[in-house]
Structure formats: C-alpha cells, structure tokens
Amino acid sequence: MATADRKMTVNEVCAELADENGKPLARSTFYDWRAKKRGPKCTRLPNGDLRIRRADFDRWFDGLAEENA
C-alpha cells in the first residue's frame, strides 16, 4: 500500500502530533478539534472507528503553516 493511501488510527495521529517531550496529543483534544471541524478529514468505519488517510493528514497539517512564523 502506498504511503499516501495508508490509513492512520486516531492513536497514530495523536502520536504524530506529540509535543517536544514525546507526549502524544490527547485523544480528547483530537475529538474536540473534530467536533469544531478543525481536524483532519476522517472516515468512519462500520464498527464506529475512525481512520485518517495519510495524504489527508499531511494536507491538513501543511495547511496549518503560518506565513510569518
């Protein structure tokens, strides 16, 4: 499977967004961002779990870049 097509779990996304000490983003923060439509695009599986395509995550993350940072 190509990297861009790989599906990430919520835990994998939270780990990817870890702080400088390696502490993963809290799942509650991820779900809060999702509720506010500020998180990456997700797909809900029939069992209720969420998956995030790697390409969608990268696109979302790249969109967070600040111009004058």
PDB file of N, CA and C in Angstrom:
ATOM      1  N   MET A   1       0.852  -1.179   0.000  1.00  0.00           N
ATOM      2  CA  MET A   1       0.000   0.000   0.000  1.00  0.00           C
ATOM      3  C   MET A   1       0.894   1.238   0.000  1.00  0.00           C
ATOM      4  N   ALA A   2       0.606   2.175  -0.868  1.00  0.00           N
ATOM      5  CA  ALA A   2       1.382   3.408  -0.936  1.00  0.00           C
ATOM      6  C   ALA A   2       1.205   4.200   0.357  1.00  0.00           C
ATOM      7  N   THR A   3       2.242   4.917   0.751  1.00  0.00           N
ATOM      8  CA  THR A   3       2.206   5.678   1.996  1.00  0.00           C
ATOM      9  C   THR A   3       1.028   6.641   2.046  1.00  0.00           C
ATOM     10  N   ALA A   4       0.749   7.337   0.952  1.00  0.00           N
ATOM     11  CA  ALA A   4      -0.349   8.311   0.929  1.00  0.00           C
ATOM     12  C   ALA A   4      -1.704   7.645   1.118  1.00  0.00           C
ATOM     13  N   ASP A   5      -1.815   6.359   0.750  1.00  0.00           N
ATOM     14  CA  ASP A   5      -3.074   5.630   0.892  1.00  0.00           C
ATOM     15  C   ASP A   5      -3.214   4.957   2.250  1.00  0.00           C
ATOM     16  N   ARG A   6      -2.149   4.962   3.032  1.00  0.00           N
ATOM     17  CA  ARG A   6      -2.186   4.304   4.333  1.00  0.00           C
ATOM     18  C   ARG A   6      -3.211   4.985   5.235  1.00  0.00           C
ATOM     19  N   LYS A   7      -3.943   4.176   5.982  1.00  0.00           N
ATOM     20  CA  LYS A   7      -4.943   4.705   6.904  1.00  0.00           C
ATOM     21  C   LYS A   7      -4.347   4.737   8.306  1.00  0.00           C
ATOM     22  N   MET A   8      -4.465   5.877   8.967  1.00  0.00           N
ATOM     23  CA  MET A   8      -3.950   6.056  10.316  1.00  0.00           C
ATOM     24  C   MET A   8      -5.102   5.953  11.314  1.00  0.00           C
ATOM     25  N   THR A   9      -4.809   5.417  12.489  1.00  0.00           N
ATOM     26  CA  THR A   9      -5.783   5.400  13.574  1.00  0.00           C
ATOM     27  C   THR A   9      -5.713   6.736  14.310  1.00  0.00           C
ATOM     28  N   VAL A  10      -6.685   6.983  15.164  1.00  0.00           N
ATOM     29  CA  VAL A  10      -6.666   8.194  15.984  1.00  0.00           C
ATOM     30  C   VAL A  10      -5.416   8.194  16.858  1.00  0.00           C
ATOM     31  N   ASN A  11      -5.057   7.042  17.424  1.00  0.00           N
ATOM     32  CA  ASN A  11      -3.856   6.969  18.259  1.00  0.00           C
ATOM     33  C   ASN A  11      -2.601   7.316  17.467  1.00  0.00           C
ATOM     34  N   GLU A  12      -2.530   6.877  16.221  1.00  0.00           N
ATOM     35  CA  GLU A  12      -1.365   7.190  15.385  1.00  0.00           C
ATOM     36  C   GLU A  12      -1.296   8.684  15.077  1.00  0.00           C
ATOM     37  N   VAL A  13      -2.439   9.290  14.819  1.00  0.00           N
ATOM     38  CA  VAL A  13      -2.468  10.735  14.568  1.00  0.00           C
ATOM     39  C   VAL A  13      -2.025  11.477  15.824  1.00  0.00           C
ATOM     40  N   CYS A  14      -2.539  11.075  16.973  1.00  0.00           N
ATOM     41  CA  CYS A  14      -2.159  11.728  18.229  1.00  0.00           C
ATOM     42  C   CYS A  14      -0.664  11.578  18.499  1.00  0.00           C
ATOM     43  N   ALA A  15      -0.109  10.416  18.199  1.00  0.00           N
ATOM     44  CA  ALA A  15       1.333  10.201  18.371  1.00  0.00           C
ATOM     45  C   ALA A  15       2.125  11.087  17.417  1.00  0.00           C
ATOM     46  N   GLU A  16       1.638  11.234  16.215  1.00  0.00           N
ATOM     47  CA  GLU A  16       2.305  12.079  15.209  1.00  0.00           C
ATOM     48  C   GLU A  16       2.333  13.542  15.661  1.00  0.00           C
ATOM     49  N   LEU A  17       1.347  13.952  16.444  1.00  0.00           N
ATOM     50  CA  LEU A  17       1.237  15.330  16.913  1.00  0.00           C
ATOM     51  C   LEU A  17       1.781  15.502  18.330  1.00  0.00           C
ATOM     52  N   ALA A  18       2.669  14.609  18.739  1.00  0.00           N
ATOM     53  CA  ALA A  18       3.249  14.648  20.083  1.00  0.00           C
ATOM     54  C   ALA A  18       3.987  15.963  20.321  1.00  0.00           C
ATOM     55  N   ASP A  19       4.056  16.349  21.587  1.00  0.00           N
ATOM     56  CA  ASP A  19       4.787  17.572  21.923  1.00  0.00           C
ATOM     57  C   ASP A  19       6.291  17.304  21.918  1.00  0.00           C
ATOM     58  N   GLU A  20       7.074  18.324  22.262  1.00  0.00           N
ATOM     59  CA  GLU A  20       8.534  18.207  22.197  1.00  0.00           C
ATOM     60  C   GLU A  20       9.101  17.180  23.175  1.00  0.00           C
ATOM     61  N   ASN A  21       8.309  16.775  24.172  1.00  0.00           N
ATOM     62  CA  ASN A  21       8.740  15.750  25.124  1.00  0.00           C
ATOM     63  C   ASN A  21       8.277  14.354  24.728  1.00  0.00           C
ATOM     64  N   GLY A  22       7.595  14.254  23.604  1.00  0.00           N
ATOM     65  CA  GLY A  22       7.122  12.966  23.124  1.00  0.00           C
ATOM     66  C   GLY A  22       5.756  12.561  23.645  1.00  0.00           C
ATOM     67  N   LYS A  23       5.091  13.460  24.387  1.00  0.00           N
ATOM     68  CA  LYS A  23       3.754  13.149  24.906  1.00  0.00           C
ATOM     69  C   LYS A  23       2.739  13.324  23.782  1.00  0.00           C
ATOM     70  N   PRO A  24       1.987  12.267  23.457  1.00  0.00           N
ATOM     71  CA  PRO A  24       1.002  12.356  22.362  1.00  0.00           C
ATOM     72  C   PRO A  24      -0.086  13.384  22.658  1.00  0.00           C
ATOM     73  N   LEU A  25      -0.661  13.913  21.602  1.00  0.00           N
ATOM     74  CA  LEU A  25      -1.823  14.778  21.725  1.00  0.00           C
ATOM     75  C   LEU A  25      -2.931  13.983  22.411  1.00  0.00           C
ATOM     76  N   ALA A  26      -3.647  14.601  23.317  1.00  0.00           N
ATOM     77  CA  ALA A  26      -4.747  13.914  23.997  1.00  0.00           C
ATOM     78  C   ALA A  26      -5.850  13.573  22.991  1.00  0.00           C
ATOM     79  N   ARG A  27      -6.390  12.357  23.118  1.00  0.00           N
ATOM     80  CA  ARG A  27      -7.487  11.952  22.233  1.00  0.00           C
ATOM     81  C   ARG A  27      -8.658  12.926  22.363  1.00  0.00           C
ATOM     82  N   SER A  28      -8.891  13.421  23.573  1.00  0.00           N
ATOM     83  CA  SER A  28      -9.995  14.365  23.775  1.00  0.00           C
ATOM     84  C   SER A  28      -9.776  15.643  22.965  1.00  0.00           C
ATOM     85  N   THR A  29      -8.533  16.071  22.818  1.00  0.00           N
ATOM     86  CA  THR A  29      -8.227  17.246  22.001  1.00  0.00           C
ATOM     87  C   THR A  29      -8.514  16.952  20.539  1.00  0.00           C
ATOM     88  N   PHE A  30      -8.103  15.763  20.074  1.00  0.00           N
ATOM     89  CA  PHE A  30      -8.382  15.374  18.693  1.00  0.00           C
ATOM     90  C   PHE A  30      -9.886  15.410  18.430  1.00  0.00           C
ATOM     91  N   TYR A  31     -10.685  14.822  19.325  1.00  0.00           N
ATOM     92  CA  TYR A  31     -12.137  14.781  19.127  1.00  0.00           C
ATOM     93  C   TYR A  31     -12.764  16.174  19.251  1.00  0.00           C
ATOM     94  N   ASP A  32     -12.181  17.027  20.092  1.00  0.00           N
ATOM     95  CA  ASP A  32     -12.654  18.410  20.192  1.00  0.00           C
ATOM     96  C   ASP A  32     -12.403  19.142  18.876  1.00  0.00           C
ATOM     97  N   TRP A  33     -11.204  18.999  18.315  1.00  0.00           N
ATOM     98  CA  TRP A  33     -10.900  19.612  17.020  1.00  0.00           C
ATOM     99  C   TRP A  33     -11.855  19.086  15.959  1.00  0.00           C
ATOM    100  N   ARG A  34     -12.122  17.788  15.998  1.00  0.00           N
ATOM    101  CA  ARG A  34     -13.021  17.178  15.009  1.00  0.00           C
ATOM    102  C   ARG A  34     -14.428  17.775  15.124  1.00  0.00           C
ATOM    103  N   ALA A  35     -14.912  17.922  16.346  1.00  0.00           N
ATOM    104  CA  ALA A  35     -16.247  18.489  16.567  1.00  0.00           C
ATOM    105  C   ALA A  35     -16.328  19.931  16.066  1.00  0.00           C
ATOM    106  N   LYS A  36     -15.210  20.643  16.157  1.00  0.00           N
ATOM    107  CA  LYS A  36     -15.156  22.038  15.710  1.00  0.00           C
ATOM    108  C   LYS A  36     -14.750  22.159  14.244  1.00  0.00           C
ATOM    109  N   LYS A  37     -14.636  21.011  13.564  1.00  0.00           N
ATOM    110  CA  LYS A  37     -14.242  20.972  12.143  1.00  0.00           C
ATOM    111  C   LYS A  37     -12.866  21.598  11.921  1.00  0.00           C
ATOM    112  N   ARG A  38     -11.962  21.387  12.878  1.00  0.00           N
ATOM    113  CA  ARG A  38     -10.602  21.917  12.790  1.00  0.00           C
ATOM    114  C   ARG A  38      -9.564  20.815  12.632  1.00  0.00           C
ATOM    115  N   GLY A  39      -9.994  19.571  12.597  1.00  0.00           N
ATOM    116  CA  GLY A  39      -9.070  18.451  12.480  1.00  0.00           C
ATOM    117  C   GLY A  39      -8.992  17.924  11.066  1.00  0.00           C
ATOM    118  N   PRO A  40      -8.178  16.889  10.875  1.00  0.00           N
ATOM    119  CA  PRO A  40      -8.054  16.300   9.538  1.00  0.00           C
ATOM    120  C   PRO A  40      -9.324  15.549   9.138  1.00  0.00           C
ATOM    121  N   LYS A  41      -9.505  15.385   7.841  1.00  0.00           N
ATOM    122  CA  LYS A  41     -10.647  14.643   7.294  1.00  0.00           C
ATOM    123  C   LYS A  41     -10.565  13.187   7.763  1.00  0.00           C
ATOM    124  N   CYS A  42     -11.691  12.658   8.234  1.00  0.00           N
ATOM    125  CA  CYS A  42     -11.743  11.289   8.763  1.00  0.00           C
ATOM    126  C   CYS A  42     -12.784  10.460   8.016  1.00  0.00           C
ATOM    127  N   THR A  43     -12.607   9.150   8.082  1.00  0.00           N
ATOM    128  CA  THR A  43     -13.582   8.196   7.565  1.00  0.00           C
ATOM    129  C   THR A  43     -14.025   7.325   8.729  1.00  0.00           C
ATOM    130  N   ARG A  44     -15.340   7.197   8.922  1.00  0.00           N
ATOM    131  CA  ARG A  44     -15.862   6.333   9.985  1.00  0.00           C
ATOM    132  C   ARG A  44     -16.127   4.950   9.408  1.00  0.00           C
ATOM    133  N   LEU A  45     -15.547   3.945  10.041  1.00  0.00           N
ATOM    134  CA  LEU A  45     -15.742   2.561   9.628  1.00  0.00           C
ATOM    135  C   LEU A  45     -17.084   2.047  10.146  1.00  0.00           C
ATOM    136  N   PRO A  46     -17.589   0.940   9.595  1.00  0.00           N
ATOM    137  CA  PRO A  46     -18.868   0.386  10.062  1.00  0.00           C
ATOM    138  C   PRO A  46     -18.891   0.074  11.561  1.00  0.00           C
ATOM    139  N   ASN A  47     -17.717  -0.220  12.145  1.00  0.00           N
ATOM    140  CA  ASN A  47     -17.680  -0.517  13.583  1.00  0.00           C
ATOM    141  C   ASN A  47     -17.581   0.743  14.439  1.00  0.00           C
ATOM    142  N   GLY A  48     -17.567   1.918  13.803  1.00  0.00           N
ATOM    143  CA  GLY A  48     -17.526   3.182  14.529  1.00  0.00           C
ATOM    144  C   GLY A  48     -16.143   3.789  14.671  1.00  0.00           C
ATOM    145  N   ASP A  49     -15.103   3.012  14.404  1.00  0.00           N
ATOM    146  CA  ASP A  49     -13.739   3.535  14.489  1.00  0.00           C
ATOM    147  C   ASP A  49     -13.487   4.551  13.384  1.00  0.00           C
ATOM    148  N   LEU A  50     -12.560   5.457  13.649  1.00  0.00           N
ATOM    149  CA  LEU A  50     -12.172   6.454  12.651  1.00  0.00           C
ATOM    150  C   LEU A  50     -10.838   6.077  12.025  1.00  0.00           C
ATOM    151  N   ARG A  51     -10.675   6.426  10.762  1.00  0.00           N
ATOM    152  CA  ARG A  51      -9.398   6.283  10.069  1.00  0.00           C
ATOM    153  C   ARG A  51      -9.136   7.587   9.331  1.00  0.00           C
ATOM    154  N   ILE A  52      -7.861   7.941   9.266  1.00  0.00           N
ATOM    155  CA  ILE A  52      -7.439   9.160   8.599  1.00  0.00           C
ATOM    156  C   ILE A  52      -6.421   8.757   7.541  1.00  0.00           C
ATOM    157  N   ARG A  53      -6.695   9.076   6.283  1.00  0.00           N
ATOM    158  CA  ARG A  53      -5.725   8.778   5.223  1.00  0.00           C
ATOM    159  C   ARG A  53      -4.483   9.632   5.445  1.00  0.00           C
ATOM    160  N   ARG A  54      -3.328   9.021   5.251  1.00  0.00           N
ATOM    161  CA  ARG A  54      -2.067   9.738   5.454  1.00  0.00           C
ATOM    162  C   ARG A  54      -2.022  11.013   4.605  1.00  0.00           C
ATOM    163  N   ALA A  55      -2.460  10.929   3.370  1.00  0.00           N
ATOM    164  CA  ALA A  55      -2.443  12.099   2.481  1.00  0.00           C
ATOM    165  C   ALA A  55      -3.339  13.212   3.026  1.00  0.00           C
ATOM    166  N   ASP A  56      -4.503  12.855   3.585  1.00  0.00           N
ATOM    167  CA  ASP A  56      -5.401  13.858   4.161  1.00  0.00           C
ATOM    168  C   ASP A  56      -4.776  14.496   5.396  1.00  0.00           C
ATOM    169  N   PHE A  57      -4.121  13.665   6.217  1.00  0.00           N
ATOM    170  CA  PHE A  57      -3.439  14.193   7.400  1.00  0.00           C
ATOM    171  C   PHE A  57      -2.346  15.171   6.989  1.00  0.00           C
ATOM    172  N   ASP A  58      -1.502  14.779   6.036  1.00  0.00           N
ATOM    173  CA  ASP A  58      -0.403  15.644   5.591  1.00  0.00           C
ATOM    174  C   ASP A  58      -0.926  16.950   5.004  1.00  0.00           C
ATOM    175  N   ARG A  59      -1.989  16.884   4.218  1.00  0.00           N
ATOM    176  CA  ARG A  59      -2.594  18.081   3.620  1.00  0.00           C
ATOM    177  C   ARG A  59      -3.123  19.010   4.720  1.00  0.00           C
ATOM    178  N   TRP A  60      -3.822  18.428   5.693  1.00  0.00           N
ATOM    179  CA  TRP A  60      -4.350  19.206   6.815  1.00  0.00           C
ATOM    180  C   TRP A  60      -3.206  19.858   7.593  1.00  0.00           C
ATOM    181  N   PHE A  61      -2.179  19.075   7.904  1.00  0.00           N
ATOM    182  CA  PHE A  61      -1.058  19.588   8.689  1.00  0.00           C
ATOM    183  C   PHE A  61      -0.333  20.704   7.941  1.00  0.00           C
ATOM    184  N   ASP A  62      -0.092  20.506   6.656  1.00  0.00           N
ATOM    185  CA  ASP A  62       0.575  21.531   5.849  1.00  0.00           C
ATOM    186  C   ASP A  62      -0.241  22.818   5.810  1.00  0.00           C
ATOM    187  N   GLY A  63      -1.554  22.688   5.876  1.00  0.00           N
ATOM    188  CA  GLY A  63      -2.430  23.854   5.873  1.00  0.00           C
ATOM    189  C   GLY A  63      -2.375  24.666   7.159  1.00  0.00           C
ATOM    190  N   LEU A  64      -1.766  24.111   8.197  1.00  0.00           N
ATOM    191  CA  LEU A  64      -1.647  24.818   9.473  1.00  0.00           C
ATOM    192  C   LEU A  64      -0.464  25.777   9.502  1.00  0.00           C
ATOM    193  N   ALA A  65       0.424  25.677   8.518  1.00  0.00           N
ATOM    194  CA  ALA A  65       1.637  26.502   8.499  1.00  0.00           C
ATOM    195  C   ALA A  65       1.277  27.984   8.511  1.00  0.00           C
ATOM    196  N   GLU A  66       2.025  28.722   9.305  1.00  0.00           N
ATOM    197  CA  GLU A  66       1.835  30.169   9.382  1.00  0.00           C
ATOM    198  C   GLU A  66       2.798  30.845   8.417  1.00  0.00           C
ATOM    199  N   GLU A  67       2.317  31.831   7.713  1.00  0.00           N
ATOM    200  CA  GLU A  67       3.126  32.542   6.719  1.00  0.00           C
ATOM    201  C   GLU A  67       4.332  33.237   7.333  1.00  0.00           C
ATOM    202  N   ASN A  68       4.143  33.910   8.453  1.00  0.00           N
ATOM    203  CA  ASN A  68       5.207  34.734   9.034  1.00  0.00           C
ATOM    204  C   ASN A  68       5.820  34.126  10.285  1.00  0.00           C
ATOM    205  N   ALA A  69       5.745  32.823  10.404  1.00  0.00           N
ATOM    206  CA  ALA A  69       6.277  32.176  11.611  1.00  0.00           C
ATOM    207  C   ALA A  69       7.780  32.059  11.539  1.00  0.00           C
TER     208      ALA A  69
END
